Amino acid sequence: MLHAPLGPEKPPPLVTIGAARHRRMTLDIRCKPCNRTVRVPSACLPAVRRSVTIGELWLAGRFRCGECRQPATRVAVVVTDATHTEVERWAVGEPFVAEKLRRHWRWDRYDRRDWGAWFGR
């Protein structure tokens, strides 16, 4: 007799800084007010000990425009092999941006985060 799992399925894993550096991904950072797009190779990202996702850093305002110094309105994680494949996108106005992170944190076994405390700061 098979039992159906309780609750929602495990969400797909989000891209962490370590994974982006390891797989040599590229970040496309876009600023809507300036209409400026910059491609940053993941090798330029700082090494971080914890498993921090790209979405967490974007939501915290860590990606900034080089011209106006405002937070980036969109960050896309792109894998460049034979073609450019967009793996993940974080953008202002997209539905369920914060929900994606919350579901990821709920399933994260090794680096638990408290949603209320993180947003309460």
N, C-alpha and C. Protein backbone atom coordinates (compact mmCIF):
# COMPACT_ATOMS: atom_id res chain seq x y z
N MET A 1 0.84 -1.16 0.00
CA MET A 1 0.00 0.00 0.00
C MET A 1 0.89 1.24 0.00
N LEU A 2 0.71 2.10 -0.98
CA LEU A 2 1.51 3.31 -1.09
C LEU A 2 0.82 4.45 -0.35
N HIS A 3 1.62 5.23 0.33
CA HIS A 3 1.09 6.38 1.06
C HIS A 3 1.50 7.66 0.32
N ALA A 4 0.55 8.53 0.18
CA ALA A 4 0.84 9.82 -0.46
C ALA A 4 1.54 10.71 0.57
N PRO A 5 2.56 11.44 0.12
CA PRO A 5 3.24 12.33 1.07
C PRO A 5 2.30 13.45 1.53
N LEU A 6 2.46 13.86 2.76
CA LEU A 6 1.65 14.93 3.30
C LEU A 6 2.27 16.28 2.95
N GLY A 7 1.45 17.23 2.62
CA GLY A 7 1.94 18.57 2.33
C GLY A 7 2.41 18.72 0.90
N PRO A 8 2.90 19.89 0.58
CA PRO A 8 3.34 20.14 -0.80
C PRO A 8 4.64 19.42 -1.11
N GLU A 9 4.90 19.27 -2.41
CA GLU A 9 6.14 18.64 -2.84
C GLU A 9 7.32 19.55 -2.54
N LYS A 10 8.49 18.94 -2.48
CA LYS A 10 9.70 19.71 -2.24
C LYS A 10 9.96 20.61 -3.45
N PRO A 11 10.20 21.91 -3.22
CA PRO A 11 10.44 22.82 -4.35
C PRO A 11 11.78 22.55 -4.99
N PRO A 12 11.97 22.97 -6.24
CA PRO A 12 13.28 22.78 -6.87
C PRO A 12 14.33 23.60 -6.12
N PRO A 13 15.55 23.11 -6.03
CA PRO A 13 16.57 23.83 -5.27
C PRO A 13 16.91 25.16 -5.92
N LEU A 14 17.14 26.16 -5.08
CA LEU A 14 17.54 27.47 -5.58
C LEU A 14 19.06 27.52 -5.74
N VAL A 15 19.52 28.40 -6.60
CA VAL A 15 20.94 28.52 -6.88
C VAL A 15 21.61 29.29 -5.75
N THR A 16 22.63 28.68 -5.15
CA THR A 16 23.39 29.35 -4.10
C THR A 16 24.62 30.01 -4.72
N ILE A 17 25.28 30.85 -3.94
CA ILE A 17 26.50 31.50 -4.43
C ILE A 17 27.57 30.46 -4.73
N GLY A 18 27.70 29.48 -3.85
CA GLY A 18 28.71 28.43 -4.06
C GLY A 18 28.45 27.64 -5.33
N ALA A 19 27.18 27.30 -5.59
CA ALA A 19 26.84 26.56 -6.80
C ALA A 19 27.08 27.40 -8.04
N ALA A 20 26.78 28.69 -7.97
CA ALA A 20 27.01 29.57 -9.11
C ALA A 20 28.50 29.69 -9.42
N ARG A 21 29.32 29.80 -8.37
CA ARG A 21 30.77 29.89 -8.58
C ARG A 21 31.33 28.58 -9.13
N HIS A 22 30.80 27.47 -8.63
CA HIS A 22 31.29 26.15 -9.05
C HIS A 22 30.93 25.84 -10.51
N ARG A 23 29.72 26.19 -10.92
CA ARG A 23 29.26 25.88 -12.28
C ARG A 23 29.58 26.97 -13.28
N ARG A 24 30.25 28.01 -12.85
CA ARG A 24 30.63 29.13 -13.73
C ARG A 24 29.42 29.73 -14.44
N MET A 25 28.46 30.13 -13.66
CA MET A 25 27.27 30.77 -14.20
C MET A 25 27.52 32.26 -14.38
N THR A 26 26.56 32.93 -15.00
CA THR A 26 26.62 34.37 -15.21
C THR A 26 25.37 34.99 -14.63
N LEU A 27 25.52 36.16 -14.00
CA LEU A 27 24.37 36.89 -13.48
C LEU A 27 24.09 38.06 -14.40
N ASP A 28 22.85 38.17 -14.85
CA ASP A 28 22.41 39.34 -15.62
C ASP A 28 21.67 40.25 -14.64
N ILE A 29 22.27 41.39 -14.34
CA ILE A 29 21.70 42.33 -13.38
C ILE A 29 21.14 43.51 -14.15
N ARG A 30 19.85 43.80 -13.93
CA ARG A 30 19.19 44.87 -14.69
C ARG A 30 18.64 45.91 -13.74
N CYS A 31 18.82 47.19 -14.12
CA CYS A 31 18.27 48.32 -13.40
C CYS A 31 17.24 48.98 -14.30
N LYS A 32 16.00 48.97 -13.88
CA LYS A 32 14.92 49.53 -14.70
C LYS A 32 15.01 51.05 -14.84
N PRO A 33 15.25 51.84 -13.77
CA PRO A 33 15.31 53.29 -13.95
C PRO A 33 16.39 53.75 -14.92
N CYS A 34 17.55 53.10 -14.90
CA CYS A 34 18.66 53.48 -15.79
C CYS A 34 18.60 52.77 -17.14
N ASN A 35 17.79 51.72 -17.23
CA ASN A 35 17.73 50.86 -18.40
C ASN A 35 19.12 50.29 -18.70
N ARG A 36 19.77 49.80 -17.66
CA ARG A 36 21.13 49.30 -17.77
C ARG A 36 21.15 47.83 -17.39
N THR A 37 21.82 47.01 -18.20
CA THR A 37 21.99 45.59 -17.92
C THR A 37 23.47 45.27 -17.88
N VAL A 38 23.90 44.56 -16.85
CA VAL A 38 25.31 44.20 -16.68
C VAL A 38 25.40 42.70 -16.52
N ARG A 39 26.37 42.09 -17.19
CA ARG A 39 26.64 40.66 -17.03
C ARG A 39 27.83 40.50 -16.12
N VAL A 40 27.63 39.76 -15.03
CA VAL A 40 28.69 39.54 -14.06
C VAL A 40 29.00 38.05 -14.02
N PRO A 41 30.24 37.66 -14.28
CA PRO A 41 30.57 36.24 -14.14
C PRO A 41 30.55 35.85 -12.67
N SER A 42 30.12 34.63 -12.40
CA SER A 42 29.98 34.21 -11.00
C SER A 42 31.31 34.07 -10.30
N ALA A 43 32.41 34.00 -11.03
CA ALA A 43 33.72 33.94 -10.40
C ALA A 43 34.04 35.23 -9.65
N CYS A 44 33.38 36.32 -10.02
CA CYS A 44 33.59 37.62 -9.34
C CYS A 44 32.81 37.72 -8.04
N LEU A 45 31.90 36.79 -7.77
CA LEU A 45 31.12 36.82 -6.54
C LEU A 45 32.01 36.42 -5.36
N PRO A 46 31.77 37.00 -4.19
CA PRO A 46 32.59 36.65 -3.03
C PRO A 46 32.28 35.23 -2.55
N ALA A 47 33.30 34.58 -2.00
CA ALA A 47 33.09 33.24 -1.42
C ALA A 47 32.39 33.40 -0.08
N VAL A 48 31.32 32.63 0.12
CA VAL A 48 30.51 32.72 1.33
C VAL A 48 30.49 31.34 1.98
N ARG A 49 30.64 31.30 3.29
CA ARG A 49 30.66 30.02 3.99
C ARG A 49 29.30 29.36 4.05
N ARG A 50 28.25 30.12 4.37
CA ARG A 50 26.91 29.52 4.45
C ARG A 50 26.33 29.37 3.05
N SER A 51 25.26 28.61 2.98
CA SER A 51 24.60 28.43 1.69
C SER A 51 23.59 29.57 1.51
N VAL A 52 24.04 30.66 0.93
CA VAL A 52 23.20 31.82 0.68
C VAL A 52 22.74 31.78 -0.77
N THR A 53 21.45 31.92 -0.99
CA THR A 53 20.94 31.87 -2.36
C THR A 53 21.03 33.25 -3.00
N ILE A 54 21.03 33.26 -4.33
CA ILE A 54 21.05 34.50 -5.09
C ILE A 54 19.80 35.32 -4.77
N GLY A 55 18.67 34.65 -4.61
CA GLY A 55 17.42 35.34 -4.30
C GLY A 55 17.44 36.05 -2.97
N GLU A 56 18.10 35.46 -1.97
CA GLU A 56 18.22 36.13 -0.67
C GLU A 56 19.00 37.43 -0.80
N LEU A 57 20.09 37.37 -1.53
CA LEU A 57 20.91 38.57 -1.70
C LEU A 57 20.16 39.63 -2.49
N TRP A 58 19.42 39.21 -3.51
CA TRP A 58 18.65 40.18 -4.30
C TRP A 58 17.56 40.81 -3.44
N LEU A 59 16.86 40.00 -2.65
CA LEU A 59 15.78 40.52 -1.81
C LEU A 59 16.32 41.45 -0.73
N ALA A 60 17.55 41.22 -0.28
CA ALA A 60 18.17 42.08 0.73
C ALA A 60 18.76 43.35 0.12
N GLY A 61 18.72 43.47 -1.22
CA GLY A 61 19.23 44.67 -1.87
C GLY A 61 20.73 44.69 -2.06
N ARG A 62 21.37 43.52 -2.13
CA ARG A 62 22.82 43.45 -2.27
C ARG A 62 23.30 43.71 -3.69
N PHE A 63 22.46 43.45 -4.68
CA PHE A 63 22.85 43.73 -6.07
C PHE A 63 22.40 45.15 -6.39
N ARG A 64 23.35 46.01 -6.73
CA ARG A 64 23.05 47.42 -6.98
C ARG A 64 23.52 47.84 -8.35
N CYS A 65 22.87 48.87 -8.88
CA CYS A 65 23.24 49.44 -10.17
C CYS A 65 24.54 50.23 -9.99
N GLY A 66 25.44 50.13 -10.95
CA GLY A 66 26.70 50.86 -10.87
C GLY A 66 26.56 52.34 -11.17
N GLU A 67 25.46 52.72 -11.81
CA GLU A 67 25.27 54.12 -12.18
C GLU A 67 24.47 54.90 -11.14
N CYS A 68 23.27 54.43 -10.81
CA CYS A 68 22.40 55.18 -9.89
C CYS A 68 22.47 54.66 -8.46
N ARG A 69 23.16 53.54 -8.21
CA ARG A 69 23.33 52.94 -6.89
C ARG A 69 22.02 52.46 -6.26
N GLN A 70 20.97 52.31 -7.05
CA GLN A 70 19.69 51.77 -6.56
C GLN A 70 19.75 50.24 -6.62
N PRO A 71 18.94 49.55 -5.80
CA PRO A 71 18.90 48.09 -5.90
C PRO A 71 18.44 47.64 -7.28
N ALA A 72 19.00 46.53 -7.74
CA ALA A 72 18.65 46.00 -9.06
C ALA A 72 17.20 45.54 -9.07
N THR A 73 16.52 45.79 -10.19
CA THR A 73 15.12 45.38 -10.29
C THR A 73 14.98 43.95 -10.79
N ARG A 74 16.05 43.41 -11.40
CA ARG A 74 15.98 42.03 -11.88
C ARG A 74 17.37 41.40 -11.85
N VAL A 75 17.44 40.18 -11.39
CA VAL A 75 18.67 39.39 -11.44
C VAL A 75 18.30 38.05 -12.04
N ALA A 76 18.99 37.68 -13.12
CA ALA A 76 18.77 36.39 -13.76
C ALA A 76 20.05 35.58 -13.69
N VAL A 77 19.93 34.31 -13.35
CA VAL A 77 21.07 33.40 -13.29
C VAL A 77 21.08 32.62 -14.60
N VAL A 78 22.17 32.74 -15.36
CA VAL A 78 22.24 32.16 -16.70
C VAL A 78 23.40 31.16 -16.75
N VAL A 79 23.14 30.00 -17.32
CA VAL A 79 24.18 29.01 -17.58
C VAL A 79 24.56 29.15 -19.04
N THR A 80 25.84 29.33 -19.28
CA THR A 80 26.31 29.50 -20.66
C THR A 80 27.13 28.27 -21.05
N ASP A 81 26.54 27.40 -21.81
CA ASP A 81 27.25 26.26 -22.39
C ASP A 81 27.25 26.48 -23.90
N ALA A 82 26.54 25.67 -24.63
CA ALA A 82 26.37 25.90 -26.07
C ALA A 82 25.34 27.00 -26.30
N THR A 83 24.39 27.11 -25.39
CA THR A 83 23.36 28.15 -25.47
C THR A 83 23.26 28.85 -24.12
N HIS A 84 22.57 29.97 -24.10
CA HIS A 84 22.32 30.68 -22.84
C HIS A 84 20.99 30.17 -22.28
N THR A 85 21.04 29.54 -21.13
CA THR A 85 19.84 29.01 -20.49
C THR A 85 19.63 29.72 -19.16
N GLU A 86 18.47 30.35 -19.01
CA GLU A 86 18.16 31.05 -17.78
C GLU A 86 17.64 30.03 -16.77
N VAL A 87 18.35 29.89 -15.67
CA VAL A 87 18.01 28.91 -14.66
C VAL A 87 17.03 29.48 -13.64
N GLU A 88 17.24 30.74 -13.28
CA GLU A 88 16.46 31.34 -12.22
C GLU A 88 16.35 32.84 -12.48
N ARG A 89 15.21 33.43 -12.10
CA ARG A 89 15.03 34.86 -12.27
C ARG A 89 14.36 35.43 -11.02
N TRP A 90 14.91 36.55 -10.57
CA TRP A 90 14.35 37.29 -9.44
C TRP A 90 14.09 38.69 -9.94
N ALA A 91 12.83 39.12 -9.94
CA ALA A 91 12.49 40.43 -10.48
C ALA A 91 11.36 41.06 -9.68
N VAL A 92 11.38 42.39 -9.65
CA VAL A 92 10.31 43.14 -9.00
C VAL A 92 9.03 42.96 -9.81
N GLY A 93 7.95 42.65 -9.14
CA GLY A 93 6.67 42.50 -9.81
C GLY A 93 6.35 41.09 -10.25
N GLU A 94 7.29 40.17 -10.17
CA GLU A 94 6.98 38.79 -10.51
C GLU A 94 6.18 38.15 -9.37
N PRO A 95 5.24 37.29 -9.71
CA PRO A 95 4.42 36.69 -8.65
C PRO A 95 5.22 35.69 -7.81
N PHE A 96 4.92 35.66 -6.53
CA PHE A 96 5.45 34.67 -5.59
C PHE A 96 6.97 34.72 -5.42
N VAL A 97 7.57 35.89 -5.50
CA VAL A 97 9.01 36.00 -5.31
C VAL A 97 9.38 35.61 -3.88
N ALA A 98 8.73 36.22 -2.91
CA ALA A 98 9.04 35.91 -1.52
C ALA A 98 8.59 34.49 -1.16
N GLU A 99 7.52 34.02 -1.78
CA GLU A 99 7.03 32.65 -1.50
C GLU A 99 8.04 31.60 -1.93
N LYS A 100 8.77 31.86 -3.03
CA LYS A 100 9.81 30.93 -3.48
C LYS A 100 10.86 30.74 -2.39
N LEU A 101 11.29 31.85 -1.78
CA LEU A 101 12.29 31.77 -0.72
C LEU A 101 11.72 31.09 0.52
N ARG A 102 10.49 31.40 0.87
CA ARG A 102 9.90 30.81 2.06
C ARG A 102 9.78 29.29 1.93
N ARG A 103 9.38 28.82 0.74
CA ARG A 103 9.29 27.38 0.52
C ARG A 103 10.67 26.73 0.57
N HIS A 104 11.67 27.42 0.04
CA HIS A 104 13.04 26.91 0.08
C HIS A 104 13.52 26.78 1.53
N TRP A 105 13.25 27.79 2.35
CA TRP A 105 13.69 27.76 3.73
C TRP A 105 12.98 26.69 4.53
N ARG A 106 11.72 26.44 4.20
CA ARG A 106 10.96 25.42 4.93
C ARG A 106 11.58 24.04 4.71
N TRP A 107 12.14 23.79 3.55
CA TRP A 107 12.70 22.48 3.23
C TRP A 107 14.20 22.40 3.48
N ASP A 108 14.84 23.49 3.82
CA ASP A 108 16.29 23.51 4.00
C ASP A 108 16.64 22.86 5.33
N ARG A 109 17.27 21.70 5.30
CA ARG A 109 17.53 20.94 6.52
C ARG A 109 18.77 21.43 7.27
N TYR A 110 19.74 21.94 6.55
CA TYR A 110 21.04 22.18 7.17
C TYR A 110 21.28 23.62 7.58
N ASP A 111 20.60 24.56 7.00
CA ASP A 111 20.87 25.97 7.28
C ASP A 111 19.53 26.67 7.52
N ARG A 112 18.85 26.31 8.58
CA ARG A 112 17.51 26.83 8.84
C ARG A 112 17.53 28.33 9.08
N ARG A 113 16.51 28.99 8.58
CA ARG A 113 16.36 30.42 8.79
C ARG A 113 14.96 30.67 9.34
N ASP A 114 14.85 31.66 10.15
CA ASP A 114 13.56 32.02 10.73
C ASP A 114 12.96 33.14 9.89
N TRP A 115 11.88 32.83 9.18
CA TRP A 115 11.26 33.78 8.25
C TRP A 115 10.86 35.07 8.94
N GLY A 116 10.22 34.97 10.09
CA GLY A 116 9.77 36.17 10.80
C GLY A 116 10.92 37.03 11.26
N ALA A 117 11.96 36.41 11.77
CA ALA A 117 13.11 37.18 12.25
C ALA A 117 13.84 37.83 11.08
N TRP A 118 13.92 37.14 9.94
CA TRP A 118 14.64 37.69 8.79
C TRP A 118 13.92 38.90 8.25
N PHE A 119 12.58 38.83 8.16
CA PHE A 119 11.82 39.97 7.65
C PHE A 119 11.59 41.03 8.73
N GLY A 120 11.74 40.66 9.99
CA GLY A 120 11.53 41.61 11.07
C GLY A 120 12.63 42.62 11.24
N ARG A 121 13.80 42.35 10.63
CA ARG A 121 14.92 43.29 10.77
C ARG A 121 14.68 44.57 10.06
